[in-house]
N, C-alpha and C. Protein backbone atom coordinates (compact mmCIF):
# COMPACT_ATOMS: atom_id res chain seq x y z
N MET A 1 37.99 -0.67 4.77
CA MET A 1 36.67 0.14 4.26
C MET A 1 36.64 -0.75 2.77
N SER A 2 35.29 -0.35 2.39
CA SER A 2 34.97 -1.25 1.12
C SER A 2 35.04 -0.16 -0.05
N GLU A 3 35.26 -0.82 -1.25
CA GLU A 3 35.18 0.55 -2.47
C GLU A 3 33.80 1.00 -2.49
N ASP A 4 32.78 0.27 -2.31
CA ASP A 4 31.45 0.98 -2.31
C ASP A 4 31.20 2.00 -1.27
N THR A 5 31.55 1.79 -0.10
CA THR A 5 31.65 2.74 1.16
C THR A 5 32.17 3.93 0.68
N SER A 6 33.65 3.77 0.39
CA SER A 6 34.57 4.86 -0.05
C SER A 6 34.09 5.63 -1.17
N ASN A 7 33.58 4.99 -2.30
CA ASN A 7 32.95 5.60 -3.32
C ASN A 7 31.62 6.63 -2.58
N THR A 8 30.65 5.85 -1.87
CA THR A 8 29.63 6.74 -1.50
C THR A 8 30.15 7.93 -0.44
N GLN A 9 31.07 7.69 0.54
CA GLN A 9 31.71 8.79 1.25
C GLN A 9 32.64 9.99 0.30
N ALA A 10 33.21 9.51 -0.72
CA ALA A 10 33.58 10.60 -1.76
C ALA A 10 32.76 11.75 -2.21
N GLN A 11 31.54 10.68 -2.62
CA GLN A 11 30.40 11.47 -3.60
C GLN A 11 29.55 12.44 -2.49
N GLY A 12 29.85 12.33 -0.63
CA GLY A 12 28.98 12.95 0.04
C GLY A 12 27.63 12.34 0.05
N LYS A 13 27.49 10.89 -0.11
CA LYS A 13 26.23 10.29 -0.16
C LYS A 13 26.13 9.56 1.25
N VAL A 14 24.98 9.50 1.82
CA VAL A 14 25.15 8.51 2.95
C VAL A 14 24.82 6.88 2.51
N TYR A 15 24.17 6.83 1.96
CA TYR A 15 23.68 5.32 1.28
C TYR A 15 24.52 5.16 -0.13
N ALA A 16 25.01 3.97 -0.10
CA ALA A 16 25.77 3.39 -1.37
C ALA A 16 24.99 3.26 -2.81
N GLY A 17 23.42 2.93 -2.18
CA GLY A 17 22.66 2.87 -3.43
C GLY A 17 20.96 2.55 -2.77
N VAL A 18 20.16 2.49 -3.81
CA VAL A 18 19.06 2.25 -3.43
C VAL A 18 18.37 1.25 -2.77
N THR A 19 19.05 0.12 -2.59
CA THR A 19 18.80 -1.10 -1.73
C THR A 19 19.20 -0.70 -0.25
N GLU A 20 20.29 0.05 -0.23
CA GLU A 20 20.64 0.14 1.05
C GLU A 20 19.87 1.18 1.64
N PHE A 21 19.29 2.42 1.01
CA PHE A 21 18.35 3.37 1.46
C PHE A 21 17.17 2.71 1.92
N VAL A 22 16.57 1.72 1.17
CA VAL A 22 15.19 1.35 1.22
C VAL A 22 15.30 0.57 2.77
N GLY A 23 16.49 -0.63 2.63
CA GLY A 23 16.69 -1.48 3.83
C GLY A 23 16.95 -0.71 5.37
N GLU A 24 17.51 0.38 5.03
CA GLU A 24 17.98 0.96 6.34
C GLU A 24 17.49 2.10 6.79
N TYR A 25 16.82 2.96 5.79
CA TYR A 25 16.30 4.08 6.25
C TYR A 25 14.60 4.00 5.99
N LEU A 26 14.36 3.81 4.76
CA LEU A 26 12.83 4.18 4.20
C LEU A 26 12.11 3.07 4.63
N SER A 27 12.42 1.65 5.05
CA SER A 27 11.50 0.92 5.51
C SER A 27 10.92 0.87 6.96
N LYS A 28 12.24 1.78 7.41
CA LYS A 28 11.98 2.09 9.15
C LYS A 28 11.16 3.34 9.16
N LEU A 29 11.09 4.11 8.14
CA LEU A 29 10.63 5.24 8.18
C LEU A 29 8.98 5.55 8.19
N TYR A 30 8.79 4.78 6.78
CA TYR A 30 7.48 4.36 6.62
C TYR A 30 7.02 2.92 7.15
N GLN A 31 6.47 3.49 8.02
CA GLN A 31 6.02 1.79 9.23
C GLN A 31 4.58 2.08 8.97
N ARG A 32 4.11 0.92 8.38
CA ARG A 32 2.64 0.86 7.71
C ARG A 32 1.91 -0.81 7.94
N GLN A 33 0.64 -0.72 8.06
CA GLN A 33 0.01 -1.96 8.15
C GLN A 33 0.19 -2.58 6.73
N VAL A 34 0.87 -3.39 6.53
CA VAL A 34 0.67 -3.94 4.69
C VAL A 34 0.38 -5.31 4.97
N THR A 35 -0.59 -5.75 5.76
CA THR A 35 -1.35 -7.30 5.82
C THR A 35 -2.11 -7.35 4.62
N ASP A 36 -2.84 -8.61 4.80
CA ASP A 36 -3.90 -8.84 3.43
C ASP A 36 -5.31 -8.14 3.95
N ILE A 37 -5.36 -7.44 5.03
CA ILE A 37 -6.74 -6.85 5.59
C ILE A 37 -6.38 -5.22 5.35
N SER A 38 -5.18 -4.97 4.82
CA SER A 38 -5.28 -3.45 4.84
C SER A 38 -5.31 -3.09 3.43
N ASP A 39 -5.57 -1.63 3.36
CA ASP A 39 -5.60 -1.04 1.95
C ASP A 39 -4.32 -0.49 1.61
N THR A 40 -3.23 -0.97 2.29
CA THR A 40 -2.03 -0.31 1.72
C THR A 40 -1.19 -1.92 1.33
N VAL A 41 -0.41 -1.64 0.24
CA VAL A 41 0.20 -2.86 0.02
C VAL A 41 1.78 -2.90 -0.42
N TRP A 42 2.40 -3.57 -0.22
CA TRP A 42 3.96 -3.74 -0.25
C TRP A 42 4.29 -5.06 -0.71
N CYS A 43 5.52 -4.97 -1.46
CA CYS A 43 6.09 -6.44 -2.06
C CYS A 43 7.58 -6.06 -1.45
N PRO A 44 7.88 -7.27 -0.60
CA PRO A 44 9.21 -7.60 0.18
C PRO A 44 10.14 -7.82 -0.85
N GLU A 45 9.76 -7.89 -2.12
CA GLU A 45 10.92 -8.03 -3.42
C GLU A 45 10.47 -6.91 -4.10
N TRP A 46 10.30 -5.60 -3.77
CA TRP A 46 10.24 -4.42 -4.44
C TRP A 46 11.19 -4.41 -5.66
N TRP A 47 12.38 -4.55 -5.58
CA TRP A 47 13.20 -4.39 -6.67
C TRP A 47 12.98 -5.27 -7.94
N ARG A 48 11.87 -6.28 -7.95
CA ARG A 48 11.47 -7.09 -8.98
C ARG A 48 10.60 -6.21 -10.04
N HIS A 49 10.05 -5.17 -9.30
CA HIS A 49 9.01 -4.16 -10.05
C HIS A 49 9.81 -2.96 -10.84
N PRO A 50 9.95 -2.97 -12.07
CA PRO A 50 10.62 -1.86 -12.59
C PRO A 50 10.15 -0.67 -12.10
N GLU A 51 8.63 -0.22 -12.02
CA GLU A 51 8.27 0.81 -11.46
C GLU A 51 8.41 1.26 -10.30
N ALA A 52 8.61 0.32 -9.27
CA ALA A 52 8.91 0.44 -8.14
C ALA A 52 10.45 1.00 -7.83
N ALA A 53 11.24 0.45 -8.55
CA ALA A 53 12.83 0.24 -8.76
C ALA A 53 13.02 1.65 -9.18
N VAL A 54 12.46 2.34 -10.30
CA VAL A 54 12.78 3.73 -10.60
C VAL A 54 12.43 4.53 -9.45
N ARG A 55 11.22 4.53 -9.23
CA ARG A 55 10.28 5.39 -8.27
C ARG A 55 11.36 5.30 -6.86
N LEU A 56 11.61 4.09 -6.19
CA LEU A 56 12.49 4.33 -5.07
C LEU A 56 13.79 4.74 -5.24
N ASP A 57 14.67 4.62 -6.49
CA ASP A 57 15.55 5.21 -6.78
C ASP A 57 15.68 6.62 -6.77
N ALA A 58 14.32 7.19 -7.26
CA ALA A 58 14.28 8.68 -7.33
C ALA A 58 14.19 9.23 -5.92
N VAL A 59 13.20 8.52 -5.06
CA VAL A 59 13.39 9.19 -3.75
C VAL A 59 14.72 9.20 -2.82
N TRP A 60 15.67 7.95 -3.26
CA TRP A 60 16.53 7.92 -2.71
C TRP A 60 17.37 9.13 -3.15
N GLN A 61 17.75 9.36 -4.38
CA GLN A 61 18.61 10.34 -4.88
C GLN A 61 18.37 11.81 -4.56
N ALA A 62 16.69 11.91 -4.55
CA ALA A 62 16.05 13.21 -3.78
C ALA A 62 16.48 13.64 -2.58
N TRP A 63 16.46 11.97 -1.59
CA TRP A 63 16.81 12.37 -0.43
C TRP A 63 18.39 12.95 -0.09
N GLU A 64 18.97 12.32 -1.04
CA GLU A 64 20.53 12.47 -0.76
C GLU A 64 20.89 14.13 -0.77
N HIS A 65 19.76 14.69 -2.03
CA HIS A 65 20.21 15.83 -2.26
C HIS A 65 19.46 16.64 -1.12
N PHE A 66 18.33 16.44 -0.95
CA PHE A 66 17.36 17.41 -0.01
C PHE A 66 17.98 17.31 1.43
N ARG A 67 18.82 16.24 1.79
CA ARG A 67 19.01 16.45 3.30
C ARG A 67 20.31 17.33 3.19
N MET A 68 21.00 17.64 2.23
CA MET A 68 22.33 18.57 2.39
C MET A 68 21.77 20.29 2.42
N LYS A 69 20.35 20.35 2.14
CA LYS A 69 19.75 21.61 2.13
C LYS A 69 19.45 22.56 3.35
N GLY A 70 19.35 21.50 4.45
CA GLY A 70 18.92 22.02 5.62
C GLY A 70 17.46 23.08 5.63
N GLY A 71 17.27 23.55 6.62
CA GLY A 71 15.76 24.24 6.58
C GLY A 71 14.69 23.34 6.37
N PRO A 72 13.97 23.97 5.30
CA PRO A 72 13.02 22.97 4.69
C PRO A 72 13.25 21.93 4.12
N GLY A 73 14.35 21.47 3.70
CA GLY A 73 15.04 20.35 2.77
C GLY A 73 14.06 19.22 2.77
N ILE A 74 14.02 18.56 3.98
CA ILE A 74 13.64 17.24 4.16
C ILE A 74 11.97 17.07 3.93
N SER A 75 11.22 18.48 4.70
CA SER A 75 9.91 18.81 4.24
C SER A 75 9.63 18.84 3.06
N VAL A 76 10.40 19.47 2.19
CA VAL A 76 10.56 19.40 0.74
C VAL A 76 10.47 18.15 0.11
N TRP A 77 11.65 17.14 0.71
CA TRP A 77 11.96 15.88 0.19
C TRP A 77 10.55 15.08 0.48
N PHE A 78 9.78 15.18 1.36
CA PHE A 78 8.61 14.40 1.65
C PHE A 78 7.19 14.86 0.90
N LEU A 79 7.14 16.05 0.89
CA LEU A 79 6.20 16.83 0.08
C LEU A 79 6.01 16.30 -1.51
N GLU A 80 7.09 16.48 -1.58
CA GLU A 80 7.34 16.47 -3.41
C GLU A 80 7.83 15.24 -3.92
N HIS A 81 8.61 14.33 -3.06
CA HIS A 81 9.18 12.96 -3.80
C HIS A 81 8.54 12.18 -2.88
N ALA A 82 9.03 11.81 -1.69
CA ALA A 82 8.68 10.69 -0.82
C ALA A 82 7.19 10.25 -1.00
N ASP A 83 6.34 11.21 -0.16
CA ASP A 83 5.01 11.16 0.10
C ASP A 83 4.23 10.54 -1.49
N PRO A 84 4.36 11.56 -2.51
CA PRO A 84 3.82 11.23 -3.86
C PRO A 84 4.36 9.63 -4.30
N HIS A 85 5.29 9.53 -4.20
CA HIS A 85 5.59 8.00 -4.81
C HIS A 85 5.33 7.05 -4.01
N MET A 86 5.46 6.94 -2.57
CA MET A 86 5.09 6.03 -1.74
C MET A 86 3.59 5.78 -1.84
N THR A 87 2.76 6.88 -2.16
CA THR A 87 1.29 6.83 -2.16
C THR A 87 1.33 6.01 -3.47
N LYS A 88 1.62 6.07 -4.58
CA LYS A 88 1.52 5.33 -5.82
C LYS A 88 2.13 3.96 -5.51
N LEU A 89 2.97 3.51 -4.75
CA LEU A 89 3.52 2.01 -4.46
C LEU A 89 2.60 1.53 -3.35
N PHE A 90 1.96 2.32 -2.09
CA PHE A 90 1.12 1.56 -1.26
C PHE A 90 -0.17 1.57 -1.78
N ASP A 91 -0.52 2.01 -2.97
CA ASP A 91 -1.82 1.64 -3.85
C ASP A 91 -2.11 0.32 -3.96
N PRO A 92 -3.39 -0.29 -3.64
CA PRO A 92 -3.78 -1.67 -4.04
C PRO A 92 -3.75 -1.86 -5.65
N ARG A 93 -4.07 -0.59 -6.07
CA ARG A 93 -3.85 -0.80 -7.62
C ARG A 93 -2.53 -0.56 -8.41
N GLY A 94 -1.78 -0.27 -7.60
CA GLY A 94 -0.35 0.05 -7.95
C GLY A 94 0.62 -1.20 -8.48
N PRO A 95 1.88 -0.82 -8.83
CA PRO A 95 2.79 -2.12 -9.02
C PRO A 95 2.73 -3.39 -8.28
N PHE A 96 2.32 -3.13 -6.74
CA PHE A 96 2.37 -4.21 -5.95
C PHE A 96 1.10 -4.84 -5.60
N LYS A 97 0.15 -4.72 -6.76
CA LYS A 97 -1.36 -5.15 -6.61
C LYS A 97 -1.51 -6.67 -6.31
N TYR A 98 -0.85 -7.43 -7.11
CA TYR A 98 -1.04 -9.12 -6.61
C TYR A 98 0.41 -9.50 -5.70
N CYS A 99 0.97 -8.48 -4.94
CA CYS A 99 1.86 -9.04 -3.94
C CYS A 99 1.23 -8.65 -2.59
N SER A 100 1.98 -9.61 -1.64
CA SER A 100 1.84 -9.25 -0.57
C SER A 100 3.04 -9.76 0.57
N VAL A 101 2.98 -9.26 1.66
CA VAL A 101 3.85 -9.62 2.61
C VAL A 101 3.91 -11.10 3.02
N ARG A 102 2.66 -11.61 3.20
CA ARG A 102 2.35 -13.16 3.76
C ARG A 102 3.24 -13.93 2.33
N ASN A 103 2.37 -13.61 1.12
CA ASN A 103 2.68 -14.57 0.04
C ASN A 103 3.84 -14.12 -0.84
N GLY A 104 4.27 -12.82 -0.68
CA GLY A 104 5.51 -12.42 -1.49
C GLY A 104 5.13 -11.94 -2.86
N HIS A 105 6.10 -11.90 -3.69
CA HIS A 105 6.14 -11.30 -5.17
C HIS A 105 5.32 -12.41 -5.70
N LYS A 106 4.55 -11.70 -6.48
CA LYS A 106 3.49 -12.47 -7.63
C LYS A 106 3.90 -11.63 -8.97
N GLU A 107 4.48 -12.21 -10.04
CA GLU A 107 4.42 -11.83 -11.49
C GLU A 107 3.24 -11.81 -12.29
N MET A 108 2.18 -10.93 -11.83
CA MET A 108 1.14 -11.12 -12.53
C MET A 108 0.75 -9.59 -13.36
N LEU A 109 1.43 -8.95 -13.14
CA LEU A 109 1.15 -7.60 -14.19
C LEU A 109 2.27 -7.18 -15.34
N SER A 110 1.51 -7.11 -16.63
CA SER A 110 2.52 -6.97 -17.58
C SER A 110 2.38 -5.61 -18.39
N SER A 111 3.47 -5.44 -18.93
CA SER A 111 3.78 -4.14 -19.85
C SER A 111 2.37 -3.43 -20.39
N LEU A 112 2.18 -2.41 -20.43
CA LEU A 112 1.03 -1.55 -21.24
C LEU A 112 0.97 -2.31 -22.60
N PRO A 113 -0.26 -2.60 -23.11
CA PRO A 113 -0.36 -3.25 -24.61
C PRO A 113 0.07 -1.89 -25.43
N LEU A 114 0.49 -2.04 -26.33
CA LEU A 114 0.75 -0.98 -27.60
C LEU A 114 0.51 -1.35 -28.93
N LYS A 115 -0.04 -0.51 -29.73
CA LYS A 115 0.00 -0.56 -31.06
C LYS A 115 1.02 0.54 -32.03
N LYS A 116 1.47 -0.02 -32.93
CA LYS A 116 2.58 1.06 -33.65
C LYS A 116 1.73 1.97 -34.19
N PRO A 117 2.03 3.33 -34.17
CA PRO A 117 1.20 4.38 -34.93
C PRO A 117 1.91 4.31 -36.53
N GLU A 118 0.93 4.91 -37.19
CA GLU A 118 1.12 5.19 -38.59
C GLU A 118 2.60 6.13 -38.89
N ASP A 119 3.30 5.58 -39.64
CA ASP A 119 4.56 6.31 -39.74
C ASP A 119 4.48 7.63 -39.71
N ASP A 120 3.73 8.22 -40.73
CA ASP A 120 3.44 9.52 -41.03
C ASP A 120 2.44 10.12 -40.15
N GLN A 121 2.09 9.44 -39.03
CA GLN A 121 1.16 10.43 -37.88
C GLN A 121 1.90 10.97 -37.08
N TRP A 122 3.41 11.04 -36.83
CA TRP A 122 4.14 11.69 -35.97
C TRP A 122 5.30 12.31 -36.63
N SER A 123 5.66 13.58 -36.26
CA SER A 123 7.07 13.93 -36.80
C SER A 123 7.87 13.87 -35.54
N GLU A 124 9.30 13.21 -35.86
CA GLU A 124 9.97 12.79 -34.94
C GLU A 124 10.86 13.99 -34.14
N PRO A 125 10.78 14.16 -33.30
CA PRO A 125 11.76 15.09 -32.36
C PRO A 125 13.06 15.00 -32.96
N ASP A 126 13.77 16.36 -33.15
CA ASP A 126 15.47 16.19 -33.40
C ASP A 126 16.26 15.75 -32.71
N ASN A 127 16.12 15.32 -31.49
CA ASN A 127 16.83 15.04 -30.41
C ASN A 127 17.00 13.48 -30.54
N GLY A 128 16.38 12.79 -31.38
CA GLY A 128 16.76 11.28 -31.55
C GLY A 128 16.41 10.41 -30.47
N LEU A 129 15.30 10.56 -29.65
CA LEU A 129 14.87 9.87 -28.61
C LEU A 129 14.14 8.98 -29.11
N TRP A 130 13.46 8.83 -30.20
CA TRP A 130 12.42 7.92 -30.69
C TRP A 130 13.15 6.80 -31.60
N ASN A 131 14.67 6.99 -31.50
CA ASN A 131 15.53 5.90 -32.30
C ASN A 131 16.11 5.12 -31.43
N LYS A 132 15.56 5.15 -29.84
CA LYS A 132 16.18 4.34 -28.99
C LYS A 132 15.71 2.79 -28.90
N GLY A 133 15.30 2.27 -29.94
CA GLY A 133 14.54 1.13 -30.07
C GLY A 133 12.95 1.07 -29.89
N SER A 134 12.54 0.07 -30.14
CA SER A 134 10.77 -0.34 -30.20
C SER A 134 10.41 -1.76 -29.78
N ASN A 135 9.25 -1.11 -28.89
CA ASN A 135 8.50 -2.13 -28.08
C ASN A 135 7.22 -2.52 -29.02
N TYR A 136 7.35 -1.95 -30.00
CA TYR A 136 6.15 -2.06 -30.79
C TYR A 136 6.06 -3.28 -31.86
N PRO A 137 4.99 -3.77 -31.72
CA PRO A 137 4.61 -5.19 -32.55
C PRO A 137 5.11 -4.73 -34.14
N ALA A 138 5.39 -5.65 -34.77
CA ALA A 138 5.48 -5.36 -36.38
C ALA A 138 4.10 -5.28 -36.97
């Protein structure tokens, strides 16, 4: 037994990580026509899209949580987690906009443009969250 498998079982998780969850479960659960003539898009290299990777990781973690709840747990997972995230990912205006199953991943989207606010425009929260680095141009 691999260390990943034993760690996963020790934590009570079915899947060792989001990659395994998407490959073995989610991709089989969400069967969609994702060809060039569809209004549903998908990137076979979904992990190259930060938004997709974060959304799918959240979907996986929520699934691991709700599968243990029993009763309506999986229904709650679908309605409040999986369906909203997958709708955003499948949207032709979303993170996979320029990708396709036929032509693969296309790196054509960029980060949102930013301008640095004036120093005195905001009062910083006391929790230090604004001290984590800056993506603002000087």
